[in-house]
N, C-alpha and C. Protein backbone atom coordinates (compact mmCIF):
# COMPACT_ATOMS: atom_id res chain seq x y z
N LYS A 1 108.76 91.61 103.46
CA LYS A 1 109.42 92.85 102.53
C LYS A 1 109.23 94.23 103.33
N VAL A 2 110.30 94.82 103.40
CA VAL A 2 110.12 96.39 103.84
C VAL A 2 110.27 96.84 102.29
N VAL A 3 109.18 97.86 101.76
CA VAL A 3 109.32 98.69 100.60
C VAL A 3 109.66 100.18 101.11
N GLY A 4 109.38 100.62 102.02
CA GLY A 4 109.78 101.95 102.30
C GLY A 4 109.71 102.36 104.02
N ILE A 5 110.67 103.32 104.10
CA ILE A 5 110.65 103.91 105.40
C ILE A 5 111.09 105.60 105.52
N ALA A 6 110.32 105.97 106.16
CA ALA A 6 110.45 107.36 106.45
C ALA A 6 110.87 108.07 107.83
N VAL A 7 111.15 109.29 107.70
CA VAL A 7 111.25 109.82 109.39
C VAL A 7 110.54 111.14 108.91
N LEU A 8 109.64 111.59 109.62
CA LEU A 8 108.53 112.67 109.78
C LEU A 8 108.87 113.61 110.81
N LYS A 9 108.28 114.88 110.67
CA LYS A 9 108.18 116.04 111.90
C LYS A 9 106.72 115.61 111.85
N ALA A 10 106.11 115.63 113.13
CA ALA A 10 104.72 115.60 113.02
C ALA A 10 104.12 116.06 114.55
N GLY A 11 102.93 115.95 114.85
CA GLY A 11 102.59 116.58 116.15
C GLY A 11 102.19 117.83 116.46
N ALA A 12 102.84 118.51 117.44
CA ALA A 12 102.54 120.12 117.75
C ALA A 12 103.30 120.67 116.81
N LEU A 13 104.60 120.20 116.51
CA LEU A 13 105.60 120.82 115.71
C LEU A 13 105.26 120.99 114.34
N ALA A 14 104.08 120.16 113.63
CA ALA A 14 103.78 120.36 112.34
C ALA A 14 102.37 119.65 112.36
N PRO A 15 101.29 120.30 112.10
CA PRO A 15 99.96 119.87 112.00
C PRO A 15 99.82 119.20 110.91
N GLU A 16 100.46 119.43 109.75
CA GLU A 16 100.80 118.67 108.25
C GLU A 16 102.21 118.41 108.53
N PRO A 17 102.45 116.71 108.54
CA PRO A 17 103.47 116.33 108.87
C PRO A 17 104.27 116.59 107.51
N VAL A 18 105.86 116.72 107.68
CA VAL A 18 106.77 116.98 106.88
C VAL A 18 107.86 115.88 106.89
N GLN A 19 108.17 115.21 105.62
CA GLN A 19 108.80 114.16 105.52
C GLN A 19 110.40 114.57 105.57
N CYS A 20 111.07 114.32 106.53
CA CYS A 20 112.27 114.95 106.67
C CYS A 20 113.31 113.96 105.77
N SER A 21 113.38 112.64 106.07
CA SER A 21 114.40 111.72 105.47
C SER A 21 113.42 110.27 104.97
N SER A 22 113.84 109.89 103.96
CA SER A 22 113.19 108.68 103.30
C SER A 22 113.94 108.03 102.73
N PHE A 23 113.71 106.55 102.37
CA PHE A 23 114.41 105.48 101.42
C PHE A 23 113.46 104.53 101.08
N SER A 24 113.48 104.13 99.78
CA SER A 24 112.55 102.95 99.34
C SER A 24 113.25 102.31 98.65
N ASP A 25 113.03 101.07 98.71
CA ASP A 25 113.32 99.98 97.91
C ASP A 25 112.44 99.44 96.95
N LEU A 26 112.58 99.94 95.41
CA LEU A 26 111.31 100.06 94.51
C LEU A 26 111.77 99.04 93.52
N SER A 27 112.90 98.19 93.76
CA SER A 27 113.31 97.24 92.95
C SER A 27 112.35 96.27 92.42
N SER A 28 111.56 95.93 93.07
CA SER A 28 110.66 95.03 92.57
C SER A 28 109.54 95.49 91.53
N TYR A 29 109.62 96.69 91.21
CA TYR A 29 108.70 97.57 90.62
C TYR A 29 109.36 97.87 89.36
N SER A 30 108.69 98.20 88.16
CA SER A 30 109.41 98.51 86.92
C SER A 30 109.84 100.02 86.96
N PHE A 31 110.58 100.42 86.04
CA PHE A 31 111.10 101.76 86.10
C PHE A 31 109.93 102.58 86.01
N PHE A 32 108.88 102.42 85.04
CA PHE A 32 107.79 103.33 84.82
C PHE A 32 106.82 103.56 86.04
N GLN A 33 106.91 102.69 86.92
CA GLN A 33 106.08 102.65 88.08
C GLN A 33 106.79 103.26 89.32
N ARG A 34 107.99 103.24 89.54
CA ARG A 34 109.03 103.68 90.62
C ARG A 34 108.22 104.92 91.12
N GLY A 35 108.58 106.11 90.23
CA GLY A 35 107.90 107.57 90.38
C GLY A 35 106.66 107.57 91.16
N GLY A 36 105.54 106.67 90.69
CA GLY A 36 104.27 106.56 91.20
C GLY A 36 104.25 106.04 92.63
N VAL A 37 104.98 104.97 92.91
CA VAL A 37 104.99 104.26 93.99
C VAL A 37 105.82 105.35 95.16
N LYS A 38 106.75 105.74 94.64
CA LYS A 38 107.43 106.65 95.74
C LYS A 38 106.50 107.52 96.24
N GLU A 39 105.70 108.25 95.57
CA GLU A 39 104.87 109.20 95.75
C GLU A 39 103.75 109.05 96.71
N MET A 40 103.34 107.63 96.25
CA MET A 40 102.18 107.12 97.22
C MET A 40 102.88 106.63 98.49
N LEU A 41 104.08 106.07 98.53
CA LEU A 41 104.55 105.79 99.97
C LEU A 41 104.73 107.31 100.99
N ALA A 42 105.11 108.31 100.16
CA ALA A 42 105.13 109.54 100.73
C ALA A 42 103.75 109.97 101.40
N PHE A 43 102.76 109.69 100.45
CA PHE A 43 101.40 110.30 100.79
C PHE A 43 100.85 109.45 101.95
N PHE A 44 101.04 108.12 101.94
CA PHE A 44 100.64 107.37 103.16
C PHE A 44 101.18 107.64 104.23
N SER A 45 102.76 107.60 104.17
CA SER A 45 103.43 108.14 105.45
C SER A 45 102.83 109.38 105.96
N LYS A 46 102.82 110.51 105.29
CA LYS A 46 102.24 112.02 105.92
C LYS A 46 100.63 111.84 106.35
N THR A 47 99.75 110.92 105.56
CA THR A 47 98.41 110.74 106.03
C THR A 47 98.15 109.92 107.20
N PHE A 48 98.90 108.87 107.44
CA PHE A 48 99.03 108.09 108.33
C PHE A 48 99.49 108.53 109.59
N THR A 49 100.59 109.23 109.59
CA THR A 49 101.32 110.10 110.61
C THR A 49 100.59 111.05 111.22
N ALA A 50 99.83 111.69 110.31
CA ALA A 50 98.75 112.91 110.83
C ALA A 50 97.66 112.12 111.49
N ARG A 51 97.48 111.22 111.46
CA ARG A 51 96.44 110.41 112.26
C ARG A 51 96.74 109.59 113.22
N THR A 52 98.04 109.87 113.66
CA THR A 52 98.59 108.84 114.70
C THR A 52 98.92 109.87 115.73
N THR A 53 98.31 109.74 117.07
CA THR A 53 98.65 110.19 118.04
C THR A 53 100.08 110.36 118.68
N PRO A 54 100.57 111.57 119.09
CA PRO A 54 102.05 111.56 119.64
C PRO A 54 102.30 110.56 120.88
N GLY A 55 103.01 109.85 120.65
CA GLY A 55 103.40 108.79 121.85
C GLY A 55 102.66 107.27 121.46
N THR A 56 102.10 107.23 120.41
CA THR A 56 101.48 106.01 119.77
C THR A 56 102.02 105.07 118.58
N ARG A 57 101.63 104.03 118.69
CA ARG A 57 102.09 103.25 117.26
C ARG A 57 100.81 102.67 116.98
N GLN A 58 100.88 102.56 115.44
CA GLN A 58 99.42 101.89 114.78
C GLN A 58 99.88 101.31 113.34
N SER A 59 99.16 100.23 113.05
CA SER A 59 99.52 99.68 111.81
C SER A 59 98.30 99.87 110.94
N ILE A 60 98.58 100.26 109.73
CA ILE A 60 97.21 100.42 108.79
C ILE A 60 97.49 99.96 107.54
N GLN A 61 96.63 99.05 107.22
CA GLN A 61 96.53 98.24 106.15
C GLN A 61 95.89 98.64 105.06
N HIS A 62 96.52 98.88 103.85
CA HIS A 62 95.84 99.20 102.24
C HIS A 62 96.64 98.31 101.34
N GLU A 63 95.44 97.63 100.86
CA GLU A 63 95.65 96.79 99.87
C GLU A 63 96.53 95.57 100.22
N SER A 64 97.61 95.62 99.63
CA SER A 64 98.47 94.39 99.92
C SER A 64 99.68 94.98 100.64
N TYR A 65 99.66 96.13 101.34
CA TYR A 65 100.72 96.67 102.33
C TYR A 65 100.37 97.02 103.38
N ILE A 66 101.00 97.14 104.53
CA ILE A 66 100.64 97.68 105.71
C ILE A 66 101.57 98.91 106.09
N VAL A 67 101.39 99.97 106.49
CA VAL A 67 102.19 101.26 107.05
C VAL A 67 102.16 101.00 108.45
N HIS A 68 103.26 100.86 108.99
CA HIS A 68 103.48 100.97 110.40
C HIS A 68 103.86 102.27 110.97
N CYS A 69 103.35 102.78 111.80
CA CYS A 69 103.52 104.27 112.24
C CYS A 69 103.82 104.45 113.64
N TYR A 70 104.74 105.14 114.23
CA TYR A 70 105.23 105.44 115.23
C TYR A 70 105.44 106.81 115.39
N VAL A 71 104.73 107.85 116.17
CA VAL A 71 104.98 109.10 116.86
C VAL A 71 105.38 109.43 118.06
N ARG A 72 106.79 109.69 118.18
CA ARG A 72 107.41 110.12 119.51
C ARG A 72 106.67 111.18 120.43
N PRO A 73 106.41 111.20 121.63
CA PRO A 73 105.97 112.11 122.20
C PRO A 73 106.63 113.85 121.85
N ASP A 74 107.65 113.70 121.38
CA ASP A 74 108.54 115.06 120.64
C ASP A 74 108.17 115.34 119.65
N GLY A 75 107.22 114.58 118.80
CA GLY A 75 106.92 114.82 117.65
C GLY A 75 107.75 114.19 116.43
N LEU A 76 108.72 113.58 116.70
CA LEU A 76 109.57 112.98 115.55
C LEU A 76 108.82 111.41 115.37
N ALA A 77 108.55 111.36 114.14
CA ALA A 77 107.82 110.11 113.65
C ALA A 77 108.60 109.16 112.51
N GLY A 78 108.07 108.04 112.47
CA GLY A 78 108.57 107.33 111.65
C GLY A 78 107.54 106.41 111.19
N THR A 79 107.88 105.85 109.78
CA THR A 79 107.02 104.80 109.21
C THR A 79 107.72 104.05 108.52
N VAL A 80 107.08 102.46 108.23
CA VAL A 80 107.65 101.48 107.84
C VAL A 80 106.65 100.70 106.88
N THR A 81 106.69 100.78 105.62
CA THR A 81 105.90 99.95 104.58
C THR A 81 106.28 98.83 104.37
N THR A 82 105.59 97.95 104.57
CA THR A 82 105.97 96.43 104.55
C THR A 82 104.64 95.80 103.68
N ASP A 83 104.96 94.25 103.56
CA ASP A 83 103.88 93.58 102.83
C ASP A 83 103.41 92.97 103.97
N LEU A 84 101.91 92.42 103.55
CA LEU A 84 101.28 91.72 105.01
C LEU A 84 102.05 90.60 105.78
N GLU A 85 102.98 90.07 105.41
CA GLU A 85 103.29 88.92 106.16
C GLU A 85 104.55 89.29 107.10
N TYR A 86 105.12 90.89 107.05
CA TYR A 86 106.04 91.16 107.85
C TYR A 86 105.42 91.56 109.27
N PRO A 87 106.34 90.80 110.13
CA PRO A 87 105.62 91.24 111.62
C PRO A 87 105.63 92.53 112.09
N PRO A 88 104.66 92.99 112.94
CA PRO A 88 104.51 94.28 113.28
C PRO A 88 105.53 94.67 114.19
N ARG A 89 105.80 93.60 115.00
CA ARG A 89 106.71 93.71 116.17
C ARG A 89 108.21 94.17 115.79
N VAL A 90 108.65 93.77 114.86
CA VAL A 90 109.72 93.72 114.28
C VAL A 90 109.90 95.12 113.62
N ALA A 91 108.88 95.54 112.93
CA ALA A 91 108.86 96.98 112.49
C ALA A 91 108.83 98.02 113.58
N PHE A 92 108.36 97.84 114.59
CA PHE A 92 108.07 98.85 115.54
C PHE A 92 109.52 98.85 116.52
N VAL A 93 110.01 97.45 116.54
CA VAL A 93 111.42 97.56 117.06
C VAL A 93 112.47 98.65 116.11
N MET A 94 112.31 98.30 114.84
CA MET A 94 112.98 98.82 113.84
C MET A 94 112.86 100.38 114.09
N LEU A 95 111.59 100.94 114.07
CA LEU A 95 111.03 102.30 114.39
C LEU A 95 111.71 102.89 115.52
N THR A 96 111.58 102.19 116.51
CA THR A 96 111.93 102.82 117.84
C THR A 96 113.54 102.80 117.79
N GLN A 97 114.29 102.04 117.56
CA GLN A 97 115.64 102.13 116.93
C GLN A 97 116.20 103.31 116.22
N LEU A 98 115.48 103.22 115.23
CA LEU A 98 115.88 104.20 113.95
C LEU A 98 115.59 105.43 114.46
N LEU A 99 114.58 105.92 115.36
CA LEU A 99 114.25 107.22 115.51
C LEU A 99 115.07 107.83 116.65
N GLU A 100 115.65 106.71 117.41
CA GLU A 100 116.54 107.09 118.50
C GLU A 100 118.11 107.76 118.05
N GLU A 101 118.12 106.84 116.94
CA GLU A 101 119.51 107.10 116.26
C GLU A 101 119.77 108.34 115.42
N TYR A 102 118.34 108.41 114.67
CA TYR A 102 118.31 109.72 114.09
C TYR A 102 118.40 111.08 114.68
N ALA A 103 117.68 111.06 115.86
CA ALA A 103 117.66 112.37 116.70
C ALA A 103 118.91 112.43 117.34
N THR A 104 119.72 111.63 117.55
CA THR A 104 120.97 111.59 118.09
C THR A 104 122.02 112.18 116.81
N ALA A 105 121.62 111.44 115.65
CA ALA A 105 122.65 111.97 114.43
C ALA A 105 122.31 113.21 113.95
N VAL A 106 121.15 113.56 113.65
CA VAL A 106 120.92 115.09 113.09
C VAL A 106 120.65 116.12 114.25
N GLY A 107 120.32 115.87 115.50
CA GLY A 107 120.22 116.72 116.62
C GLY A 107 118.87 117.38 116.35
N ASP A 108 118.56 118.55 116.69
CA ASP A 108 116.99 119.40 116.39
C ASP A 108 116.98 119.76 115.11
N ALA A 109 117.76 119.36 113.89
CA ALA A 109 117.63 119.85 112.47
C ALA A 109 116.08 119.07 112.20
N TRP A 110 115.89 118.30 112.41
CA TRP A 110 114.36 117.84 112.15
C TRP A 110 113.41 118.70 112.49
N LYS A 111 113.75 119.44 113.63
CA LYS A 111 112.34 120.39 114.09
C LYS A 111 112.27 121.58 112.96
N SER A 112 113.13 121.81 112.43
CA SER A 112 112.96 122.98 111.61
C SER A 112 112.88 122.37 110.12
N ALA A 113 112.69 121.10 109.71
CA ALA A 113 112.45 120.70 108.35
C ALA A 113 111.55 121.13 108.02
N ALA A 114 111.16 121.85 106.68
CA ALA A 114 109.81 122.36 106.02
C ALA A 114 109.88 121.87 104.58
N VAL A 115 111.11 120.97 104.10
CA VAL A 115 110.70 120.53 102.75
C VAL A 115 111.04 119.08 102.57
N THR A 116 110.28 118.55 101.80
CA THR A 116 110.08 116.80 101.67
C THR A 116 111.67 116.53 101.60
N ASP A 117 112.17 115.52 102.13
CA ASP A 117 113.48 114.88 102.09
C ASP A 117 114.96 115.83 102.12
N SER A 118 114.70 116.86 103.04
CA SER A 118 115.26 117.87 103.15
C SER A 118 116.73 117.54 104.13
N ILE A 119 116.58 116.52 104.87
CA ILE A 119 117.90 115.90 105.73
C ILE A 119 118.31 114.80 105.19
N PRO A 120 119.48 114.55 104.38
CA PRO A 120 119.88 113.33 104.16
C PRO A 120 120.30 112.56 105.34
N TYR A 121 120.17 111.10 105.18
CA TYR A 121 120.41 110.09 106.29
C TYR A 121 120.58 108.97 105.64
N PRO A 122 122.02 108.76 105.15
CA PRO A 122 122.40 107.39 104.48
C PRO A 122 121.88 105.97 105.05
N PRO A 123 121.99 106.19 106.55
CA PRO A 123 121.60 104.89 107.14
C PRO A 123 120.16 104.32 106.88
N LEU A 124 119.04 105.02 106.46
CA LEU A 124 118.06 104.41 106.29
C LEU A 124 117.96 103.29 105.09
N GLU A 125 118.89 103.17 104.14
CA GLU A 125 119.10 102.61 103.29
C GLU A 125 119.68 100.83 103.93
N GLU A 126 120.60 101.28 104.84
CA GLU A 126 121.05 99.79 105.57
C GLU A 126 119.96 99.32 106.35
N TYR A 127 119.07 100.41 107.00
CA TYR A 127 117.99 99.65 107.69
C TYR A 127 117.08 98.64 106.91
N VAL A 128 116.76 99.22 105.81
CA VAL A 128 115.88 98.73 105.05
C VAL A 128 116.62 97.25 104.49
N SER A 129 117.83 97.39 104.16
CA SER A 129 118.60 96.15 103.58
C SER A 129 118.53 95.00 104.96
N THR A 130 119.09 95.53 106.02
CA THR A 130 119.12 94.82 107.34
C THR A 130 117.65 94.25 107.74
N TYR A 131 116.81 94.94 107.64
CA TYR A 131 115.46 94.30 108.29
C TYR A 131 114.65 93.65 106.99
N GLN A 132 115.31 93.32 105.87
CA GLN A 132 114.25 92.66 104.98
C GLN A 132 113.95 91.24 105.41
N ASP A 133 114.98 90.65 105.95
CA ASP A 133 114.63 89.48 106.62
C ASP A 133 114.36 89.45 108.23
N PRO A 134 113.09 89.68 108.55
CA PRO A 134 112.91 89.92 110.02
C PRO A 134 113.37 88.70 111.17
N THR A 135 113.75 87.67 110.66
CA THR A 135 114.19 86.62 111.55
C THR A 135 115.65 86.89 111.78
N SER A 136 116.42 87.45 110.66
CA SER A 136 117.70 87.52 111.08
C SER A 136 117.99 88.88 111.78
N ALA A 137 117.04 89.82 111.71
CA ALA A 137 117.23 91.27 112.17
C ALA A 137 116.97 91.17 113.76
N ASP A 138 116.13 90.24 114.10
CA ASP A 138 115.25 90.29 115.57
C ASP A 138 115.45 88.94 116.07
N LYS A 139 116.14 89.01 117.19
CA LYS A 139 116.37 87.80 117.89
C LYS A 139 115.07 86.95 118.53
N ILE A 140 114.27 87.59 118.86
CA ILE A 140 112.93 86.87 119.52
C ILE A 140 112.22 86.49 118.16
N THR A 141 112.23 87.33 117.00
CA THR A 141 111.61 86.56 116.00
C THR A 141 112.11 85.18 115.36
N LYS A 142 113.69 85.32 115.36
CA LYS A 142 114.34 84.27 114.95
C LYS A 142 113.77 82.97 116.07
N ILE A 143 113.98 83.20 117.25
CA ILE A 143 113.36 82.15 118.29
C ILE A 143 112.07 81.74 117.91
N GLN A 144 111.23 82.66 117.59
CA GLN A 144 109.72 82.29 117.66
C GLN A 144 109.84 81.45 116.27
N LYS A 145 110.57 81.88 114.97
CA LYS A 145 110.28 80.83 113.57
C LYS A 145 110.90 79.62 113.85
N ASP A 146 112.19 79.56 114.62
CA ASP A 146 112.69 78.16 115.34
C ASP A 146 111.46 77.57 115.88
N LEU A 147 111.01 78.07 116.99
CA LEU A 147 109.73 77.28 117.45
C LEU A 147 108.71 76.90 116.73
N ASP A 148 108.30 77.46 115.64
CA ASP A 148 107.27 77.63 114.79
C ASP A 148 107.53 76.41 113.69
N ASP A 149 108.72 76.23 113.29
CA ASP A 149 109.16 74.92 112.71
C ASP A 149 109.27 73.77 113.47
N THR A 150 109.85 73.80 114.52
CA THR A 150 109.94 72.92 115.55
C THR A 150 108.45 72.42 115.86
N THR A 151 107.34 73.30 115.86
CA THR A 151 105.95 72.74 116.22
C THR A 151 105.60 72.19 114.85
N GLU A 152 105.84 72.83 113.75
CA GLU A 152 105.18 72.03 112.50
C GLU A 152 105.89 70.68 112.42
N ILE A 153 106.86 70.67 112.56
CA ILE A 153 107.45 69.04 112.62
C ILE A 153 106.62 68.18 113.44
N LEU A 154 106.46 68.72 114.85
CA LEU A 154 105.69 67.76 115.86
C LEU A 154 104.44 67.73 115.46
N HIS A 155 103.53 68.39 114.60
CA HIS A 155 102.46 68.50 114.25
C HIS A 155 102.00 67.37 113.27
N LYS A 156 102.94 66.54 112.74
CA LYS A 156 102.60 65.47 111.77
C LYS A 156 101.81 64.45 112.55
N THR A 157 100.54 64.19 111.65
CA THR A 157 99.79 63.47 112.27
C THR A 157 100.44 62.01 112.25
N ILE A 158 99.69 60.99 113.29
CA ILE A 158 100.27 59.93 113.49
C ILE A 158 100.05 58.80 112.19
N ASP A 159 98.99 59.24 111.43
CA ASP A 159 98.99 58.36 110.09
C ASP A 159 100.14 58.57 109.18
N ASN A 160 100.73 60.13 109.18
CA ASN A 160 101.78 60.11 108.43
C ASN A 160 103.09 59.69 108.90
N VAL A 161 103.23 59.39 110.38
CA VAL A 161 104.15 58.85 110.69
C VAL A 161 104.26 56.96 110.50
N LEU A 162 102.97 56.52 110.74
CA LEU A 162 103.11 55.01 110.13
C LEU A 162 103.36 55.03 108.94
N GLU A 163 103.88 53.79 108.82
CA GLU A 163 104.55 53.78 107.22
C GLU A 163 103.39 52.52 106.45
N ARG A 164 103.65 52.82 104.86
CA ARG A 164 102.66 52.07 104.13
C ARG A 164 101.24 52.36 104.23
N GLY A 165 100.67 53.17 104.78
CA GLY A 165 99.47 53.35 104.72
C GLY A 165 98.82 52.50 105.96
N VAL A 166 99.24 51.79 106.80
CA VAL A 166 98.76 51.21 107.99
C VAL A 166 98.06 52.27 108.91
N LYS A 167 96.89 52.06 109.08
CA LYS A 167 96.03 52.95 109.97
C LYS A 167 96.19 52.37 111.65
N LEU A 168 96.07 53.46 112.28
CA LEU A 168 96.09 53.12 113.94
C LEU A 168 95.28 52.08 114.07
N ASP A 169 94.04 52.24 113.70
CA ASP A 169 92.88 51.49 114.11
C ASP A 169 93.00 49.79 113.76
N GLN A 170 93.90 49.67 112.42
CA GLN A 170 94.31 48.44 112.31
C GLN A 170 95.42 47.79 113.17
N LEU A 171 96.20 48.84 113.48
CA LEU A 171 97.20 48.29 114.59
C LEU A 171 96.84 48.11 116.00
N VAL A 172 95.77 48.91 116.51
CA VAL A 172 95.03 48.52 117.38
C VAL A 172 94.46 47.24 117.56
N GLU A 173 93.54 46.87 116.55
CA GLU A 173 93.04 45.63 116.31
C GLU A 173 94.11 44.47 116.54
N ARG A 174 95.27 44.72 115.65
CA ARG A 174 96.06 43.40 115.85
C ARG A 174 97.17 43.49 116.73
N SER A 175 97.16 44.18 117.72
CA SER A 175 98.31 44.52 118.73
C SER A 175 97.75 43.39 119.89
N ASP A 176 98.78 42.52 120.11
CA ASP A 176 98.89 41.63 121.38
C ASP A 176 99.27 42.49 122.68
N ASP A 177 99.47 43.66 122.68
CA ASP A 177 99.99 44.14 123.78
C ASP A 177 98.89 44.93 124.56
N LEU A 178 97.72 45.09 123.94
CA LEU A 178 96.36 45.81 124.39
C LEU A 178 95.58 45.16 124.73
N SER A 179 95.32 45.12 126.03
CA SER A 179 94.01 44.25 126.60
C SER A 179 92.89 44.44 125.81
N ARG A 180 91.55 43.54 125.77
CA ARG A 180 90.64 43.73 125.07
C ARG A 180 89.72 44.91 125.78
N GLN A 181 89.78 45.42 126.92
CA GLN A 181 89.61 46.62 127.64
C GLN A 181 90.27 47.79 126.85
N SER A 182 91.28 47.86 126.81
CA SER A 182 92.18 49.08 126.04
C SER A 182 91.22 49.31 124.70
N LYS A 183 91.27 48.00 123.97
CA LYS A 183 90.86 48.14 122.75
C LYS A 183 89.42 48.79 122.83
N MET A 184 88.54 48.52 123.67
CA MET A 184 87.23 48.76 123.58
C MET A 184 87.45 50.40 124.01
N PHE A 185 88.08 50.90 124.97
CA PHE A 185 88.32 52.17 125.25
C PHE A 185 88.74 52.89 124.32
N TYR A 186 89.72 52.46 122.94
CA TYR A 186 90.10 53.35 122.12
C TYR A 186 88.95 53.42 121.26
N LYS A 187 88.25 52.27 120.86
CA LYS A 187 87.25 52.46 119.76
C LYS A 187 86.04 53.45 120.43
N GLN A 188 85.86 53.39 121.57
CA GLN A 188 84.78 54.40 122.13
C GLN A 188 85.10 55.82 122.27
N ALA A 189 86.59 55.88 122.53
CA ALA A 189 86.91 57.26 122.44
C ALA A 189 87.08 57.94 120.88
N ARG A 190 87.43 57.01 120.07
CA ARG A 190 87.33 57.28 118.56
C ARG A 190 86.01 57.82 118.37
N LYS A 191 84.81 56.72 118.79
CA LYS A 191 83.61 57.21 118.03
C LYS A 191 83.22 58.44 118.86
N THR A 192 83.44 58.67 119.83
CA THR A 192 83.28 60.06 120.71
C THR A 192 83.67 61.15 120.01
N ASN A 193 84.98 60.98 119.70
CA ASN A 193 85.49 62.22 119.26
C ASN A 193 85.43 62.58 117.92
N SER A 194 84.82 61.56 117.17
CA SER A 194 84.36 61.74 115.62
C SER A 194 83.35 62.42 115.46
N CYS A 195 82.47 62.71 116.61
CA CYS A 195 81.33 63.77 116.26
C CYS A 195 81.99 64.95 116.71
N CYS A 196 83.21 65.37 117.11
CA CYS A 196 83.33 66.64 117.73
C CYS A 196 84.57 67.16 116.95
N VAL A 197 84.93 66.95 115.67
CA VAL A 197 86.12 67.25 115.00
C VAL A 197 85.90 68.62 114.83
N ILE A 198 86.89 69.48 115.10
CA ILE A 198 87.06 70.83 114.75
C ILE A 198 88.01 71.17 113.86
N SER A 199 87.79 71.71 112.85
CA SER A 199 88.92 71.98 111.67
C SER A 199 89.15 73.40 111.87
């Protein structure tokens, strides 16, 4: 889940980062918590942006949240605060795209921003809602999820596939299709592998 997103002026332009625009999805917090959560999001964005070298990306975990931070070489920066399960790759794809569009839309106005949230940028809300589900927002993540689902299906153990609790050992013993040598090989392999099971 994406909790908040912010665009900041940082780097050589602002030794102390200035939050130019932001949006937070605080619907999962009570009315009385929202103000404090919003202030904490702004604090984390500024603090982590100040500690990110221009031209780099980093993800910083704090309790059950991760702040993904990207500072471009020109000093335009962005942060996305997510839960622990949100894929970092998707967060950085979103930030890269957002900062490109933001720079195009507002021009150099961000370079002179001196007050928190002084540049209104309504598309931030759209970004948060679009990227709530990372698999639908990012094609590579969707493909990865489909592969993971397929792998999960394929990883069913043979014991689950066999019906009515019949064990593979019992089937091998009763099989007429296997030679005595194959049965001995199976038993020896099973014995050898039983000492080396890795969980």
